[in-house]
Amino acid sequence: MDTLAGVINKYLEELRQRTDADFSAFACQEPGEAVIRWKYAVGNKNERFRRIVLRSGKGIAGKVLMAGRPMILENYEHRQHDDPQEYPILYAEELRSALGVPVLIAGRVKGVLLIGYRNPCRIEEVIVGLVKQVAKEMENIIGI
């Protein structure tokens, strides 16, 4: 039987392939804490994503967690004076476009599913729908 990590990584790899994304990841809220961490990723360039710790409202994961709805960043430009803490996953993985979708457990947002592209691109509605569908499937198998 697959471990939870193995199942999540399978979902992430399948999602990355189906969306032609360079990167896909799953962040979740730490039990009993108010922080969010990127726990699983495929297509990552390094392991820096594991050190990112966010509060609600910060970064893509924090904003999706707080709003409870998808967030799209397209053609993001890394500028010299930008605060890397605003979107640390974009900096850590050199992403230019990304989509974050909430993952609900017992009706509450407890995780964020993300796909990212290292080249600027427009994220079409069909891709948003596909990521939402995978997030819904993950909701049924994950007990965060």
N, C-alpha and C. Protein backbone atom coordinates (compact mmCIF):
# COMPACT_ATOMS: atom_id res chain seq x y z
N MET A 1 0.85 -1.19 0.00
CA MET A 1 0.00 0.00 0.00
C MET A 1 0.89 1.25 0.00
N ASP A 2 0.51 2.24 -0.78
CA ASP A 2 1.28 3.47 -0.88
C ASP A 2 1.15 4.30 0.39
N THR A 3 2.21 5.00 0.72
CA THR A 3 2.16 5.95 1.82
C THR A 3 1.44 7.21 1.36
N LEU A 4 1.04 8.04 2.30
CA LEU A 4 0.38 9.30 1.95
C LEU A 4 1.31 10.14 1.07
N ALA A 5 2.59 10.20 1.43
CA ALA A 5 3.56 10.96 0.63
C ALA A 5 3.63 10.42 -0.79
N GLY A 6 3.62 9.10 -0.93
CA GLY A 6 3.67 8.50 -2.26
C GLY A 6 2.44 8.83 -3.08
N VAL A 7 1.28 8.80 -2.46
CA VAL A 7 0.02 9.12 -3.15
C VAL A 7 0.02 10.59 -3.58
N ILE A 8 0.42 11.48 -2.69
CA ILE A 8 0.46 12.91 -3.03
C ILE A 8 1.44 13.16 -4.16
N ASN A 9 2.61 12.54 -4.10
CA ASN A 9 3.60 12.73 -5.17
C ASN A 9 3.09 12.21 -6.51
N LYS A 10 2.31 11.13 -6.50
CA LYS A 10 1.71 10.63 -7.75
C LYS A 10 0.74 11.65 -8.33
N TYR A 11 -0.10 12.22 -7.46
CA TYR A 11 -1.02 13.27 -7.91
C TYR A 11 -0.25 14.45 -8.49
N LEU A 12 0.80 14.86 -7.81
CA LEU A 12 1.58 16.02 -8.26
C LEU A 12 2.25 15.75 -9.61
N GLU A 13 2.82 14.57 -9.78
CA GLU A 13 3.48 14.25 -11.04
C GLU A 13 2.47 14.17 -12.18
N GLU A 14 1.33 13.53 -11.92
CA GLU A 14 0.29 13.45 -12.95
C GLU A 14 -0.22 14.84 -13.32
N LEU A 15 -0.43 15.68 -12.32
CA LEU A 15 -0.90 17.04 -12.56
C LEU A 15 0.11 17.83 -13.38
N ARG A 16 1.37 17.71 -13.02
CA ARG A 16 2.43 18.42 -13.75
C ARG A 16 2.45 18.00 -15.22
N GLN A 17 2.30 16.72 -15.47
CA GLN A 17 2.30 16.23 -16.85
C GLN A 17 1.05 16.67 -17.61
N ARG A 18 -0.11 16.59 -16.97
CA ARG A 18 -1.36 16.93 -17.65
C ARG A 18 -1.48 18.42 -17.95
N THR A 19 -0.79 19.26 -17.19
CA THR A 19 -0.87 20.71 -17.39
C THR A 19 0.36 21.27 -18.09
N ASP A 20 1.31 20.41 -18.42
CA ASP A 20 2.59 20.84 -19.01
C ASP A 20 3.32 21.83 -18.11
N ALA A 21 3.09 21.74 -16.81
CA ALA A 21 3.75 22.63 -15.85
C ALA A 21 5.18 22.14 -15.61
N ASP A 22 6.02 23.07 -15.18
CA ASP A 22 7.39 22.72 -14.82
C ASP A 22 7.48 22.22 -13.38
N PHE A 23 6.51 22.63 -12.57
CA PHE A 23 6.59 22.41 -11.13
C PHE A 23 5.18 22.23 -10.59
N SER A 24 5.01 21.33 -9.66
CA SER A 24 3.75 21.24 -8.92
C SER A 24 4.08 20.92 -7.47
N ALA A 25 3.25 21.45 -6.57
CA ALA A 25 3.54 21.29 -5.15
C ALA A 25 2.26 21.33 -4.33
N PHE A 26 2.39 20.84 -3.11
CA PHE A 26 1.28 20.85 -2.17
C PHE A 26 1.77 21.43 -0.85
N ALA A 27 1.07 22.45 -0.38
CA ALA A 27 1.37 23.06 0.92
C ALA A 27 0.21 22.78 1.85
N CYS A 28 0.52 22.63 3.13
CA CYS A 28 -0.57 22.43 4.08
C CYS A 28 -0.27 23.14 5.39
N GLN A 29 -1.35 23.36 6.10
CA GLN A 29 -1.26 24.04 7.38
C GLN A 29 -0.77 23.03 8.41
N GLU A 30 0.18 23.45 9.22
CA GLU A 30 0.70 22.59 10.27
C GLU A 30 -0.38 22.38 11.33
N PRO A 31 -0.61 21.14 11.75
CA PRO A 31 -1.62 20.89 12.79
C PRO A 31 -1.31 21.69 14.06
N GLY A 32 -2.30 22.40 14.54
CA GLY A 32 -2.13 23.17 15.76
C GLY A 32 -1.32 24.45 15.62
N GLU A 33 -0.92 24.78 14.40
CA GLU A 33 -0.14 26.00 14.17
C GLU A 33 -0.84 26.86 13.12
N ALA A 34 -0.44 28.11 13.07
CA ALA A 34 -1.02 29.03 12.10
C ALA A 34 -0.10 29.23 10.90
N VAL A 35 0.80 28.28 10.65
CA VAL A 35 1.73 28.42 9.53
C VAL A 35 1.45 27.37 8.46
N ILE A 36 1.90 27.70 7.26
CA ILE A 36 1.73 26.84 6.09
C ILE A 36 3.12 26.51 5.58
N ARG A 37 3.32 25.26 5.21
CA ARG A 37 4.61 24.83 4.65
C ARG A 37 4.37 24.05 3.36
N TRP A 38 5.30 24.22 2.42
CA TRP A 38 5.29 23.40 1.21
C TRP A 38 5.87 22.05 1.61
N LYS A 39 5.06 21.00 1.57
CA LYS A 39 5.47 19.68 2.04
C LYS A 39 5.94 18.76 0.92
N TYR A 40 5.30 18.86 -0.24
CA TYR A 40 5.58 17.93 -1.33
C TYR A 40 5.74 18.73 -2.62
N ALA A 41 6.65 18.28 -3.49
CA ALA A 41 6.84 18.95 -4.77
C ALA A 41 7.44 17.98 -5.78
N VAL A 42 7.12 18.20 -7.05
CA VAL A 42 7.77 17.49 -8.15
C VAL A 42 8.17 18.53 -9.18
N GLY A 43 9.27 18.26 -9.86
CA GLY A 43 9.80 19.22 -10.83
C GLY A 43 10.60 20.32 -10.17
N ASN A 44 10.91 20.14 -8.89
CA ASN A 44 11.64 21.18 -8.16
C ASN A 44 13.11 21.21 -8.57
N LYS A 45 13.69 22.42 -8.56
CA LYS A 45 15.10 22.62 -8.90
C LYS A 45 16.01 22.35 -7.71
N ASN A 46 15.46 22.50 -6.51
CA ASN A 46 16.25 22.36 -5.30
C ASN A 46 15.29 22.04 -4.15
N GLU A 47 15.79 22.04 -2.95
CA GLU A 47 14.97 21.72 -1.79
C GLU A 47 14.59 22.97 -0.97
N ARG A 48 14.85 24.15 -1.51
CA ARG A 48 14.56 25.38 -0.76
C ARG A 48 13.08 25.54 -0.43
N PHE A 49 12.21 24.97 -1.26
CA PHE A 49 10.77 25.10 -1.00
C PHE A 49 10.41 24.57 0.39
N ARG A 50 11.15 23.59 0.87
CA ARG A 50 10.86 22.98 2.18
C ARG A 50 11.09 23.95 3.34
N ARG A 51 11.92 24.97 3.13
CA ARG A 51 12.22 25.92 4.21
C ARG A 51 11.26 27.11 4.24
N ILE A 52 10.35 27.18 3.28
CA ILE A 52 9.40 28.29 3.23
C ILE A 52 8.30 28.07 4.27
N VAL A 53 8.14 29.03 5.15
CA VAL A 53 7.10 28.99 6.18
C VAL A 53 6.27 30.25 6.01
N LEU A 54 4.97 30.08 5.82
CA LEU A 54 4.09 31.22 5.55
C LEU A 54 2.98 31.32 6.58
N ARG A 55 2.51 32.53 6.75
CA ARG A 55 1.32 32.77 7.57
C ARG A 55 0.16 33.05 6.61
N SER A 56 -1.04 32.92 7.11
CA SER A 56 -2.21 33.21 6.30
C SER A 56 -2.10 34.61 5.72
N GLY A 57 -2.34 34.72 4.42
CA GLY A 57 -2.28 36.01 3.74
C GLY A 57 -0.94 36.32 3.12
N LYS A 58 0.08 35.48 3.36
CA LYS A 58 1.42 35.71 2.80
C LYS A 58 1.74 34.65 1.76
N GLY A 59 2.36 35.07 0.67
CA GLY A 59 2.70 34.14 -0.39
C GLY A 59 1.45 33.62 -1.09
N ILE A 60 1.65 32.84 -2.13
CA ILE A 60 0.51 32.29 -2.85
C ILE A 60 -0.30 31.38 -1.92
N ALA A 61 0.39 30.49 -1.21
CA ALA A 61 -0.32 29.55 -0.34
C ALA A 61 -1.11 30.27 0.73
N GLY A 62 -0.52 31.26 1.36
CA GLY A 62 -1.20 32.01 2.42
C GLY A 62 -2.40 32.79 1.91
N LYS A 63 -2.28 33.33 0.70
CA LYS A 63 -3.39 34.10 0.13
C LYS A 63 -4.54 33.18 -0.29
N VAL A 64 -4.20 32.02 -0.86
CA VAL A 64 -5.24 31.06 -1.24
C VAL A 64 -5.92 30.52 0.02
N LEU A 65 -5.13 30.23 1.04
CA LEU A 65 -5.68 29.73 2.30
C LEU A 65 -6.64 30.74 2.91
N MET A 66 -6.25 32.01 2.90
CA MET A 66 -7.07 33.06 3.50
C MET A 66 -8.34 33.32 2.68
N ALA A 67 -8.20 33.41 1.36
CA ALA A 67 -9.34 33.75 0.49
C ALA A 67 -10.24 32.54 0.21
N GLY A 68 -9.66 31.35 0.23
CA GLY A 68 -10.45 30.16 -0.06
C GLY A 68 -10.82 30.01 -1.51
N ARG A 69 -10.06 30.66 -2.38
CA ARG A 69 -10.34 30.55 -3.82
C ARG A 69 -9.01 30.55 -4.59
N PRO A 70 -9.05 30.11 -5.86
CA PRO A 70 -7.81 30.04 -6.64
C PRO A 70 -7.15 31.41 -6.83
N MET A 71 -5.85 31.37 -7.02
CA MET A 71 -5.08 32.57 -7.30
C MET A 71 -4.17 32.28 -8.49
N ILE A 72 -4.19 33.20 -9.46
CA ILE A 72 -3.37 33.06 -10.65
C ILE A 72 -2.37 34.21 -10.69
N LEU A 73 -1.12 33.88 -10.94
CA LEU A 73 -0.08 34.88 -11.22
C LEU A 73 0.47 34.54 -12.60
N GLU A 74 0.37 35.48 -13.52
CA GLU A 74 0.85 35.25 -14.87
C GLU A 74 1.94 36.25 -15.21
N ASN A 75 2.95 35.77 -15.91
CA ASN A 75 4.04 36.62 -16.38
C ASN A 75 4.67 37.45 -15.26
N TYR A 76 4.89 36.81 -14.12
CA TYR A 76 5.47 37.49 -12.96
C TYR A 76 6.92 37.84 -13.26
N GLU A 77 7.26 39.09 -13.04
CA GLU A 77 8.63 39.57 -13.26
C GLU A 77 9.32 39.72 -11.92
N HIS A 78 10.45 39.08 -11.76
CA HIS A 78 11.26 39.26 -10.55
C HIS A 78 12.01 40.58 -10.71
N ARG A 79 11.66 41.56 -9.90
CA ARG A 79 12.31 42.87 -9.99
C ARG A 79 13.30 43.04 -8.85
N GLN A 80 14.28 43.86 -9.07
CA GLN A 80 15.37 44.05 -8.12
C GLN A 80 14.87 44.47 -6.74
N HIS A 81 13.86 45.31 -6.68
CA HIS A 81 13.41 45.85 -5.40
C HIS A 81 12.20 45.12 -4.81
N ASP A 82 11.79 44.02 -5.45
CA ASP A 82 10.67 43.24 -4.91
C ASP A 82 11.10 42.54 -3.63
N ASP A 83 10.14 42.33 -2.77
CA ASP A 83 10.38 41.59 -1.54
C ASP A 83 10.20 40.10 -1.83
N PRO A 84 11.27 39.30 -1.75
CA PRO A 84 11.13 37.87 -2.05
C PRO A 84 10.19 37.15 -1.09
N GLN A 85 9.90 37.77 0.05
CA GLN A 85 8.97 37.17 1.00
C GLN A 85 7.52 37.25 0.52
N GLU A 86 7.26 38.11 -0.47
CA GLU A 86 5.90 38.22 -0.98
C GLU A 86 5.46 36.92 -1.67
N TYR A 87 6.32 36.39 -2.52
CA TYR A 87 6.03 35.13 -3.22
C TYR A 87 7.28 34.26 -3.21
N PRO A 88 7.66 33.72 -2.05
CA PRO A 88 8.93 33.00 -1.96
C PRO A 88 9.03 31.77 -2.85
N ILE A 89 7.93 31.09 -3.10
CA ILE A 89 8.00 29.89 -3.94
C ILE A 89 8.38 30.26 -5.38
N LEU A 90 7.95 31.45 -5.84
CA LEU A 90 8.32 31.88 -7.19
C LEU A 90 9.83 32.10 -7.28
N TYR A 91 10.40 32.68 -6.25
CA TYR A 91 11.85 32.91 -6.23
C TYR A 91 12.62 31.61 -6.07
N ALA A 92 12.19 30.77 -5.15
CA ALA A 92 12.91 29.52 -4.87
C ALA A 92 12.95 28.61 -6.10
N GLU A 93 11.88 28.60 -6.88
CA GLU A 93 11.78 27.71 -8.03
C GLU A 93 11.88 28.43 -9.38
N GLU A 94 12.16 29.73 -9.34
CA GLU A 94 12.32 30.53 -10.56
C GLU A 94 11.08 30.45 -11.46
N LEU A 95 9.91 30.58 -10.84
CA LEU A 95 8.65 30.50 -11.57
C LEU A 95 8.23 31.87 -12.08
N ARG A 96 7.61 31.90 -13.24
CA ARG A 96 7.11 33.14 -13.83
C ARG A 96 5.59 33.20 -13.85
N SER A 97 4.95 32.04 -13.88
CA SER A 97 3.48 31.97 -13.83
C SER A 97 3.10 30.83 -12.91
N ALA A 98 2.02 31.02 -12.15
CA ALA A 98 1.62 29.99 -11.19
C ALA A 98 0.12 30.06 -10.92
N LEU A 99 -0.41 28.94 -10.50
CA LEU A 99 -1.81 28.83 -10.10
C LEU A 99 -1.86 28.06 -8.79
N GLY A 100 -2.52 28.64 -7.80
CA GLY A 100 -2.74 27.98 -6.52
C GLY A 100 -4.22 27.75 -6.31
N VAL A 101 -4.60 26.56 -5.87
CA VAL A 101 -5.99 26.18 -5.67
C VAL A 101 -6.15 25.61 -4.26
N PRO A 102 -7.23 26.00 -3.56
CA PRO A 102 -7.42 25.49 -2.20
C PRO A 102 -7.79 24.01 -2.17
N VAL A 103 -7.33 23.34 -1.12
CA VAL A 103 -7.72 21.95 -0.85
C VAL A 103 -8.45 21.98 0.49
N LEU A 104 -9.70 21.53 0.48
CA LEU A 104 -10.53 21.59 1.68
C LEU A 104 -10.56 20.24 2.40
N ILE A 105 -10.54 20.31 3.71
CA ILE A 105 -10.73 19.14 4.55
C ILE A 105 -11.84 19.49 5.53
N ALA A 106 -12.88 18.68 5.55
CA ALA A 106 -14.04 18.94 6.41
C ALA A 106 -14.59 20.35 6.21
N GLY A 107 -14.62 20.79 4.94
CA GLY A 107 -15.20 22.08 4.61
C GLY A 107 -14.33 23.30 4.88
N ARG A 108 -13.11 23.09 5.34
CA ARG A 108 -12.20 24.21 5.63
C ARG A 108 -10.94 24.09 4.78
N VAL A 109 -10.42 25.23 4.35
CA VAL A 109 -9.19 25.22 3.56
C VAL A 109 -8.04 24.84 4.47
N LYS A 110 -7.39 23.73 4.13
CA LYS A 110 -6.27 23.24 4.93
C LYS A 110 -5.01 23.05 4.11
N GLY A 111 -5.13 23.18 2.78
CA GLY A 111 -3.98 22.98 1.93
C GLY A 111 -4.10 23.77 0.64
N VAL A 112 -2.99 23.81 -0.10
CA VAL A 112 -2.96 24.52 -1.38
C VAL A 112 -2.21 23.65 -2.39
N LEU A 113 -2.84 23.45 -3.53
CA LEU A 113 -2.24 22.74 -4.64
C LEU A 113 -1.76 23.78 -5.63
N LEU A 114 -0.50 23.68 -6.07
CA LEU A 114 0.09 24.70 -6.93
C LEU A 114 0.73 24.06 -8.16
N ILE A 115 0.56 24.72 -9.30
CA ILE A 115 1.36 24.39 -10.48
C ILE A 115 2.10 25.66 -10.86
N GLY A 116 3.29 25.50 -11.45
CA GLY A 116 4.07 26.66 -11.84
C GLY A 116 4.82 26.43 -13.13
N TYR A 117 5.08 27.54 -13.81
CA TYR A 117 5.79 27.53 -15.09
C TYR A 117 7.00 28.45 -14.99
N ARG A 118 8.12 28.01 -15.52
CA ARG A 118 9.34 28.82 -15.44
C ARG A 118 9.44 29.83 -16.59
N ASN A 119 8.55 29.72 -17.54
CA ASN A 119 8.46 30.71 -18.62
C ASN A 119 7.13 31.44 -18.47
N PRO A 120 7.08 32.71 -18.86
CA PRO A 120 5.81 33.43 -18.76
C PRO A 120 4.75 32.76 -19.63
N CYS A 121 3.55 32.65 -19.10
CA CYS A 121 2.47 32.07 -19.89
C CYS A 121 1.13 32.52 -19.32
N ARG A 122 0.10 32.30 -20.11
CA ARG A 122 -1.26 32.58 -19.68
C ARG A 122 -1.85 31.26 -19.20
N ILE A 123 -2.45 31.26 -18.04
CA ILE A 123 -3.05 30.05 -17.50
C ILE A 123 -4.53 30.04 -17.90
N GLU A 124 -4.86 29.13 -18.79
CA GLU A 124 -6.20 29.05 -19.36
C GLU A 124 -7.20 28.47 -18.36
N GLU A 125 -8.46 28.77 -18.58
CA GLU A 125 -9.54 28.32 -17.70
C GLU A 125 -9.61 26.79 -17.64
N VAL A 126 -9.28 26.11 -18.73
CA VAL A 126 -9.30 24.65 -18.74
C VAL A 126 -8.25 24.10 -17.76
N ILE A 127 -7.12 24.77 -17.63
CA ILE A 127 -6.08 24.36 -16.67
C ILE A 127 -6.57 24.59 -15.24
N VAL A 128 -7.22 25.73 -15.01
CA VAL A 128 -7.78 26.02 -13.69
C VAL A 128 -8.77 24.92 -13.30
N GLY A 129 -9.63 24.54 -14.23
CA GLY A 129 -10.60 23.49 -13.97
C GLY A 129 -9.95 22.16 -13.65
N LEU A 130 -8.90 21.83 -14.37
CA LEU A 130 -8.18 20.58 -14.14
C LEU A 130 -7.53 20.55 -12.76
N VAL A 131 -6.89 21.65 -12.37
CA VAL A 131 -6.25 21.71 -11.06
C VAL A 131 -7.30 21.65 -9.95
N LYS A 132 -8.44 22.31 -10.16
CA LYS A 132 -9.53 22.23 -9.17
C LYS A 132 -10.02 20.79 -9.03
N GLN A 133 -10.13 20.09 -10.15
CA GLN A 133 -10.58 18.70 -10.13
C GLN A 133 -9.60 17.83 -9.33
N VAL A 134 -8.31 18.00 -9.55
CA VAL A 134 -7.30 17.23 -8.82
C VAL A 134 -7.34 17.59 -7.34
N ALA A 135 -7.53 18.88 -7.02
CA ALA A 135 -7.64 19.30 -5.61
C ALA A 135 -8.82 18.59 -4.95
N LYS A 136 -9.93 18.48 -5.67
CA LYS A 136 -11.12 17.80 -5.14
C LYS A 136 -10.83 16.32 -4.90
N GLU A 137 -10.11 15.69 -5.83
CA GLU A 137 -9.73 14.28 -5.65
C GLU A 137 -8.83 14.12 -4.43
N MET A 138 -7.91 15.06 -4.25
CA MET A 138 -7.00 14.99 -3.10
C MET A 138 -7.76 15.16 -1.79
N GLU A 139 -8.80 15.99 -1.81
CA GLU A 139 -9.61 16.20 -0.60
C GLU A 139 -10.18 14.88 -0.10
N ASN A 140 -10.52 14.00 -1.04
CA ASN A 140 -11.15 12.73 -0.67
C ASN A 140 -10.17 11.71 -0.10
N ILE A 141 -8.87 11.89 -0.33
CA ILE A 141 -7.91 10.89 0.15
C ILE A 141 -7.01 11.40 1.27
N ILE A 142 -6.98 12.71 1.47
CA ILE A 142 -6.06 13.28 2.46
C ILE A 142 -6.82 13.65 3.72
N GLY A 143 -6.28 13.29 4.82
CA GLY A 143 -6.83 13.72 6.11
C GLY A 143 -5.75 14.52 6.82
N ILE A 144 -5.70 15.81 6.52
CA ILE A 144 -4.64 16.66 7.08
C ILE A 144 -4.95 16.95 8.53
